[in-house]
Amino acid sequence: MERAAVEEWVAGYVRAWRTAGTDGLTRLFTPDASYLPSPWADPVVGEAALATFWEAERAGPDEVFTFAGEVVAVDGRAAVVRVAVEYAAGRSGPWRDLWVLGFADDGRCSSFEEWPFAPDQPAGH
């Protein structure tokens, strides 16, 4: 993967989050993709499970939030992205995340691992 391809994938992820439905997920993720929403969560595996998870996690395509992402590293088909997300009032956050991404040969994500951090999380341990 090239850095520009990862940046394009991240932009596609944000577009899909802001779009009604889950049809865009097939352009982003392989059919058997594994999505780990936190290091301690059970992975969400497969297209159908990811679509269900996706809809449950967002308030809807009109959800108000700001997003900034920076590709930190790319090594072969692996990438790390630093993310900052702030939702409108009523949602937790702001969030700072690290995304650890694995890509298939076709440029779709085959493994997504999220390390979310919020300011009210306890430090240490």
N, C-alpha and C. Protein backbone atom coordinates (compact mmCIF):
# COMPACT_ATOMS: atom_id res chain seq x y z
N MET A 1 0.85 -1.19 0.00
CA MET A 1 0.00 0.00 0.00
C MET A 1 0.88 1.24 0.00
N GLU A 2 0.46 2.20 -0.73
CA GLU A 2 1.11 3.51 -0.72
C GLU A 2 0.35 4.42 0.24
N ARG A 3 1.03 5.40 0.80
CA ARG A 3 0.41 6.33 1.74
C ARG A 3 -0.85 6.98 1.14
N ALA A 4 -0.77 7.38 -0.11
CA ALA A 4 -1.92 8.03 -0.76
C ALA A 4 -3.12 7.08 -0.82
N ALA A 5 -2.90 5.80 -1.03
CA ALA A 5 -4.00 4.84 -1.08
C ALA A 5 -4.64 4.69 0.30
N VAL A 6 -3.84 4.73 1.36
CA VAL A 6 -4.39 4.66 2.71
C VAL A 6 -5.20 5.93 3.00
N GLU A 7 -4.67 7.09 2.63
CA GLU A 7 -5.41 8.33 2.82
C GLU A 7 -6.74 8.30 2.08
N GLU A 8 -6.74 7.75 0.87
CA GLU A 8 -7.97 7.64 0.09
C GLU A 8 -8.95 6.68 0.78
N TRP A 9 -8.43 5.57 1.34
CA TRP A 9 -9.29 4.62 2.05
C TRP A 9 -9.94 5.30 3.26
N VAL A 10 -9.17 6.06 4.03
CA VAL A 10 -9.70 6.75 5.20
C VAL A 10 -10.78 7.74 4.77
N ALA A 11 -10.56 8.48 3.70
CA ALA A 11 -11.57 9.42 3.20
C ALA A 11 -12.84 8.66 2.80
N GLY A 12 -12.69 7.48 2.20
CA GLY A 12 -13.84 6.66 1.84
C GLY A 12 -14.59 6.16 3.06
N TYR A 13 -13.86 5.84 4.11
CA TYR A 13 -14.48 5.41 5.37
C TYR A 13 -15.37 6.53 5.92
N VAL A 14 -14.84 7.75 5.95
CA VAL A 14 -15.61 8.88 6.47
C VAL A 14 -16.82 9.15 5.58
N ARG A 15 -16.65 9.07 4.26
CA ARG A 15 -17.80 9.26 3.35
C ARG A 15 -18.87 8.21 3.61
N ALA A 16 -18.45 6.97 3.80
CA ALA A 16 -19.41 5.89 4.05
C ALA A 16 -20.14 6.11 5.38
N TRP A 17 -19.41 6.59 6.40
CA TRP A 17 -20.04 6.86 7.71
C TRP A 17 -21.10 7.94 7.57
N ARG A 18 -20.88 8.90 6.68
CA ARG A 18 -21.80 10.01 6.48
C ARG A 18 -22.89 9.71 5.45
N THR A 19 -22.94 8.48 4.95
CA THR A 19 -23.90 8.08 3.93
C THR A 19 -24.89 7.08 4.50
N ALA A 20 -26.16 7.25 4.18
CA ALA A 20 -27.19 6.32 4.66
C ALA A 20 -26.91 4.91 4.16
N GLY A 21 -27.23 3.93 4.99
CA GLY A 21 -27.07 2.54 4.61
C GLY A 21 -25.64 2.05 4.78
N THR A 22 -25.43 0.83 4.36
CA THR A 22 -24.11 0.21 4.53
C THR A 22 -23.53 -0.32 3.22
N ASP A 23 -24.12 0.06 2.10
CA ASP A 23 -23.63 -0.43 0.81
C ASP A 23 -22.17 -0.07 0.56
N GLY A 24 -21.73 1.05 1.06
CA GLY A 24 -20.34 1.49 0.87
C GLY A 24 -19.32 0.62 1.55
N LEU A 25 -19.74 -0.19 2.49
CA LEU A 25 -18.79 -1.04 3.21
C LEU A 25 -18.13 -2.06 2.29
N THR A 26 -18.82 -2.50 1.25
CA THR A 26 -18.24 -3.49 0.34
C THR A 26 -17.05 -2.93 -0.44
N ARG A 27 -17.01 -1.62 -0.62
CA ARG A 27 -15.87 -0.99 -1.29
C ARG A 27 -14.70 -0.79 -0.33
N LEU A 28 -14.99 -0.81 0.97
CA LEU A 28 -13.95 -0.56 1.98
C LEU A 28 -13.36 -1.83 2.59
N PHE A 29 -14.21 -2.84 2.80
CA PHE A 29 -13.80 -4.03 3.54
C PHE A 29 -13.97 -5.29 2.70
N THR A 30 -13.09 -6.26 2.92
CA THR A 30 -13.24 -7.56 2.29
C THR A 30 -14.44 -8.27 2.92
N PRO A 31 -15.02 -9.26 2.23
CA PRO A 31 -16.20 -9.95 2.77
C PRO A 31 -15.95 -10.64 4.12
N ASP A 32 -14.72 -11.03 4.38
CA ASP A 32 -14.39 -11.72 5.63
C ASP A 32 -13.60 -10.84 6.60
N ALA A 33 -13.70 -9.53 6.43
CA ALA A 33 -12.92 -8.60 7.25
C ALA A 33 -13.22 -8.79 8.74
N SER A 34 -12.19 -8.52 9.52
CA SER A 34 -12.29 -8.53 10.98
C SER A 34 -12.16 -7.09 11.46
N TYR A 35 -13.10 -6.65 12.30
CA TYR A 35 -13.15 -5.27 12.80
C TYR A 35 -13.13 -5.36 14.32
N LEU A 36 -12.07 -4.89 14.92
CA LEU A 36 -11.91 -4.92 16.37
C LEU A 36 -12.13 -3.50 16.90
N PRO A 37 -13.30 -3.21 17.52
CA PRO A 37 -13.61 -1.83 17.94
C PRO A 37 -12.80 -1.34 19.14
N SER A 38 -12.17 -2.23 19.86
CA SER A 38 -11.23 -1.86 20.91
C SER A 38 -10.36 -3.08 21.18
N PRO A 39 -9.21 -2.89 21.80
CA PRO A 39 -8.33 -4.03 22.03
C PRO A 39 -8.94 -5.11 22.92
N TRP A 40 -10.00 -4.77 23.66
CA TRP A 40 -10.59 -5.73 24.59
C TRP A 40 -11.93 -6.27 24.11
N ALA A 41 -12.38 -5.85 22.96
CA ALA A 41 -13.67 -6.28 22.44
C ALA A 41 -13.51 -7.56 21.61
N ASP A 42 -14.61 -8.24 21.44
CA ASP A 42 -14.63 -9.35 20.50
C ASP A 42 -14.66 -8.77 19.10
N PRO A 43 -13.95 -9.38 18.18
CA PRO A 43 -13.96 -8.84 16.81
C PRO A 43 -15.31 -9.05 16.14
N VAL A 44 -15.65 -8.11 15.29
CA VAL A 44 -16.82 -8.23 14.42
C VAL A 44 -16.26 -8.79 13.11
N VAL A 45 -16.79 -9.93 12.67
CA VAL A 45 -16.21 -10.61 11.52
C VAL A 45 -17.27 -10.82 10.44
N GLY A 46 -16.93 -10.42 9.24
CA GLY A 46 -17.78 -10.66 8.08
C GLY A 46 -18.66 -9.48 7.74
N GLU A 47 -19.06 -9.47 6.47
CA GLU A 47 -19.84 -8.38 5.91
C GLU A 47 -21.13 -8.07 6.66
N ALA A 48 -21.93 -9.10 6.91
CA ALA A 48 -23.23 -8.90 7.56
C ALA A 48 -23.06 -8.39 8.99
N ALA A 49 -22.14 -8.97 9.73
CA ALA A 49 -21.91 -8.54 11.11
C ALA A 49 -21.37 -7.11 11.15
N LEU A 50 -20.50 -6.78 10.21
CA LEU A 50 -19.95 -5.42 10.16
C LEU A 50 -21.05 -4.41 9.84
N ALA A 51 -21.94 -4.73 8.93
CA ALA A 51 -23.04 -3.82 8.60
C ALA A 51 -23.95 -3.58 9.80
N THR A 52 -24.24 -4.64 10.54
CA THR A 52 -25.08 -4.50 11.74
C THR A 52 -24.37 -3.65 12.79
N PHE A 53 -23.09 -3.91 13.01
CA PHE A 53 -22.29 -3.14 13.97
C PHE A 53 -22.25 -1.67 13.56
N TRP A 54 -21.98 -1.42 12.30
CA TRP A 54 -21.85 -0.06 11.75
C TRP A 54 -23.12 0.74 12.04
N GLU A 55 -24.28 0.18 11.74
CA GLU A 55 -25.54 0.89 11.96
C GLU A 55 -25.82 1.12 13.44
N ALA A 56 -25.42 0.19 14.29
CA ALA A 56 -25.65 0.33 15.73
C ALA A 56 -24.75 1.39 16.35
N GLU A 57 -23.59 1.61 15.78
CA GLU A 57 -22.60 2.52 16.38
C GLU A 57 -22.80 3.98 16.00
N ARG A 58 -23.45 4.23 14.91
CA ARG A 58 -23.60 5.64 14.51
C ARG A 58 -25.02 6.10 14.74
N ALA A 59 -25.17 7.40 14.96
CA ALA A 59 -26.50 7.98 15.17
C ALA A 59 -27.26 8.07 13.85
N GLY A 60 -26.56 7.99 12.74
CA GLY A 60 -27.16 8.08 11.42
C GLY A 60 -26.26 8.88 10.51
N PRO A 61 -26.55 8.90 9.23
CA PRO A 61 -25.68 9.61 8.30
C PRO A 61 -25.65 11.12 8.51
N ASP A 62 -26.62 11.67 9.21
CA ASP A 62 -26.65 13.11 9.47
C ASP A 62 -25.98 13.47 10.79
N GLU A 63 -25.36 12.49 11.43
CA GLU A 63 -24.68 12.73 12.70
C GLU A 63 -23.62 13.82 12.51
N VAL A 64 -23.61 14.78 13.43
CA VAL A 64 -22.68 15.90 13.33
C VAL A 64 -21.39 15.56 14.07
N PHE A 65 -20.28 15.60 13.34
CA PHE A 65 -18.98 15.36 13.94
C PHE A 65 -17.89 15.94 13.05
N THR A 66 -16.75 16.18 13.67
CA THR A 66 -15.57 16.57 12.91
C THR A 66 -14.59 15.40 12.95
N PHE A 67 -13.82 15.28 11.90
CA PHE A 67 -12.88 14.17 11.77
C PHE A 67 -11.57 14.69 11.20
N ALA A 68 -10.49 14.24 11.79
CA ALA A 68 -9.16 14.50 11.23
C ALA A 68 -8.37 13.20 11.34
N GLY A 69 -7.75 12.81 10.26
CA GLY A 69 -6.95 11.59 10.26
C GLY A 69 -5.59 11.85 9.65
N GLU A 70 -4.58 11.20 10.20
CA GLU A 70 -3.21 11.34 9.70
C GLU A 70 -2.60 9.95 9.61
N VAL A 71 -2.14 9.58 8.43
CA VAL A 71 -1.46 8.31 8.26
C VAL A 71 -0.09 8.44 8.93
N VAL A 72 0.14 7.60 9.93
CA VAL A 72 1.38 7.66 10.70
C VAL A 72 2.45 6.75 10.08
N ALA A 73 2.02 5.58 9.61
CA ALA A 73 2.99 4.63 9.06
C ALA A 73 2.30 3.71 8.07
N VAL A 74 3.08 3.31 7.06
CA VAL A 74 2.64 2.30 6.10
C VAL A 74 3.81 1.36 5.90
N ASP A 75 3.53 0.06 6.05
CA ASP A 75 4.56 -0.95 5.86
C ASP A 75 3.93 -2.12 5.12
N GLY A 76 4.22 -2.22 3.85
CA GLY A 76 3.59 -3.27 3.05
C GLY A 76 2.09 -3.06 2.99
N ARG A 77 1.34 -4.05 3.47
CA ARG A 77 -0.12 -3.95 3.46
C ARG A 77 -0.67 -3.56 4.82
N ALA A 78 0.18 -3.06 5.71
CA ALA A 78 -0.26 -2.61 7.04
C ALA A 78 -0.10 -1.10 7.14
N ALA A 79 -1.02 -0.48 7.90
CA ALA A 79 -0.95 0.97 8.09
C ALA A 79 -1.45 1.32 9.48
N VAL A 80 -0.97 2.44 9.99
CA VAL A 80 -1.43 3.00 11.25
C VAL A 80 -1.88 4.42 10.97
N VAL A 81 -3.08 4.75 11.48
CA VAL A 81 -3.66 6.07 11.27
C VAL A 81 -4.03 6.66 12.62
N ARG A 82 -3.63 7.91 12.86
CA ARG A 82 -4.03 8.65 14.07
C ARG A 82 -5.27 9.45 13.72
N VAL A 83 -6.31 9.32 14.56
CA VAL A 83 -7.62 9.90 14.26
C VAL A 83 -8.08 10.77 15.43
N ALA A 84 -8.71 11.89 15.11
CA ALA A 84 -9.36 12.74 16.11
C ALA A 84 -10.80 12.95 15.66
N VAL A 85 -11.75 12.62 16.55
CA VAL A 85 -13.17 12.76 16.24
C VAL A 85 -13.84 13.50 17.39
N GLU A 86 -14.64 14.48 17.04
CA GLU A 86 -15.45 15.19 18.02
C GLU A 86 -16.88 15.22 17.53
N TYR A 87 -17.77 14.67 18.35
CA TYR A 87 -19.19 14.62 18.03
C TYR A 87 -19.89 15.84 18.60
N ALA A 88 -21.07 16.13 18.04
CA ALA A 88 -21.89 17.22 18.57
C ALA A 88 -22.32 16.86 19.99
N ALA A 89 -22.88 17.83 20.68
CA ALA A 89 -23.32 17.64 22.07
C ALA A 89 -24.17 16.38 22.22
N GLY A 90 -24.01 15.74 23.36
CA GLY A 90 -24.81 14.56 23.63
C GLY A 90 -24.07 13.25 23.43
N ARG A 91 -22.95 13.28 22.76
CA ARG A 91 -22.15 12.06 22.56
C ARG A 91 -20.87 12.18 23.37
N SER A 92 -20.32 11.05 23.73
CA SER A 92 -19.07 11.05 24.48
C SER A 92 -17.93 11.54 23.60
N GLY A 93 -16.85 11.85 24.26
CA GLY A 93 -15.67 12.29 23.51
C GLY A 93 -15.19 13.61 24.03
N PRO A 94 -14.29 14.27 23.38
CA PRO A 94 -13.74 13.94 22.07
C PRO A 94 -12.92 12.64 22.12
N TRP A 95 -12.73 12.05 20.96
CA TRP A 95 -12.00 10.80 20.86
C TRP A 95 -10.69 10.99 20.10
N ARG A 96 -9.69 10.29 20.56
CA ARG A 96 -8.44 10.16 19.83
C ARG A 96 -8.25 8.66 19.65
N ASP A 97 -8.02 8.24 18.43
CA ASP A 97 -7.90 6.83 18.12
C ASP A 97 -6.61 6.55 17.36
N LEU A 98 -6.17 5.33 17.49
CA LEU A 98 -5.19 4.78 16.57
C LEU A 98 -5.88 3.64 15.85
N TRP A 99 -5.79 3.65 14.54
CA TRP A 99 -6.32 2.56 13.73
C TRP A 99 -5.14 1.77 13.20
N VAL A 100 -5.16 0.47 13.41
CA VAL A 100 -4.17 -0.43 12.84
C VAL A 100 -4.90 -1.21 11.76
N LEU A 101 -4.49 -1.00 10.51
CA LEU A 101 -5.22 -1.53 9.37
C LEU A 101 -4.38 -2.53 8.60
N GLY A 102 -5.03 -3.60 8.17
CA GLY A 102 -4.41 -4.56 7.27
C GLY A 102 -5.20 -4.57 5.98
N PHE A 103 -4.50 -4.56 4.85
CA PHE A 103 -5.18 -4.46 3.56
C PHE A 103 -4.94 -5.71 2.71
N ALA A 104 -5.96 -6.06 1.95
CA ALA A 104 -5.86 -7.13 0.96
C ALA A 104 -5.21 -6.57 -0.30
N ASP A 105 -4.88 -7.46 -1.21
CA ASP A 105 -4.24 -7.04 -2.46
C ASP A 105 -5.08 -6.05 -3.26
N ASP A 106 -6.41 -6.11 -3.12
CA ASP A 106 -7.28 -5.23 -3.89
C ASP A 106 -7.48 -3.86 -3.25
N GLY A 107 -6.80 -3.59 -2.11
CA GLY A 107 -6.88 -2.28 -1.46
C GLY A 107 -7.99 -2.15 -0.43
N ARG A 108 -8.80 -3.21 -0.29
CA ARG A 108 -9.82 -3.17 0.76
C ARG A 108 -9.22 -3.64 2.07
N CYS A 109 -9.81 -3.19 3.15
CA CYS A 109 -9.33 -3.52 4.48
C CYS A 109 -9.78 -4.92 4.86
N SER A 110 -8.84 -5.74 5.32
CA SER A 110 -9.16 -7.09 5.76
C SER A 110 -9.11 -7.21 7.28
N SER A 111 -8.42 -6.27 7.93
CA SER A 111 -8.42 -6.24 9.40
C SER A 111 -8.33 -4.79 9.86
N PHE A 112 -9.21 -4.45 10.79
CA PHE A 112 -9.31 -3.10 11.33
C PHE A 112 -9.27 -3.23 12.84
N GLU A 113 -8.29 -2.62 13.45
CA GLU A 113 -8.14 -2.66 14.91
C GLU A 113 -8.12 -1.22 15.41
N GLU A 114 -9.02 -0.92 16.32
CA GLU A 114 -9.17 0.45 16.81
C GLU A 114 -8.72 0.53 18.27
N TRP A 115 -7.93 1.56 18.57
CA TRP A 115 -7.48 1.84 19.94
C TRP A 115 -8.03 3.20 20.33
N PRO A 116 -9.28 3.25 20.85
CA PRO A 116 -9.92 4.52 21.17
C PRO A 116 -9.51 5.06 22.55
N PHE A 117 -9.36 6.37 22.62
CA PHE A 117 -9.02 7.04 23.87
C PHE A 117 -9.91 8.27 24.02
N ALA A 118 -10.44 8.46 25.23
CA ALA A 118 -11.26 9.63 25.55
C ALA A 118 -10.65 10.30 26.78
N PRO A 119 -10.85 11.61 26.95
CA PRO A 119 -10.20 12.32 28.04
C PRO A 119 -10.66 11.86 29.44
N ASP A 120 -11.82 11.24 29.55
CA ASP A 120 -12.29 10.81 30.86
C ASP A 120 -11.83 9.38 31.22
N GLN A 121 -11.04 8.76 30.34
CA GLN A 121 -10.51 7.45 30.68
C GLN A 121 -9.46 7.57 31.76
N PRO A 122 -9.40 6.62 32.68
CA PRO A 122 -8.35 6.68 33.70
C PRO A 122 -6.97 6.51 33.07
N ALA A 123 -6.00 7.23 33.58
CA ALA A 123 -4.63 7.14 33.08
C ALA A 123 -3.94 5.93 33.69
N GLY A 124 -2.97 5.42 32.95
CA GLY A 124 -2.17 4.31 33.46
C GLY A 124 -2.88 2.99 33.38
N HIS A 125 -2.38 2.05 34.09
CA HIS A 125 -2.87 0.67 34.21
C HIS A 125 -3.09 0.07 32.87
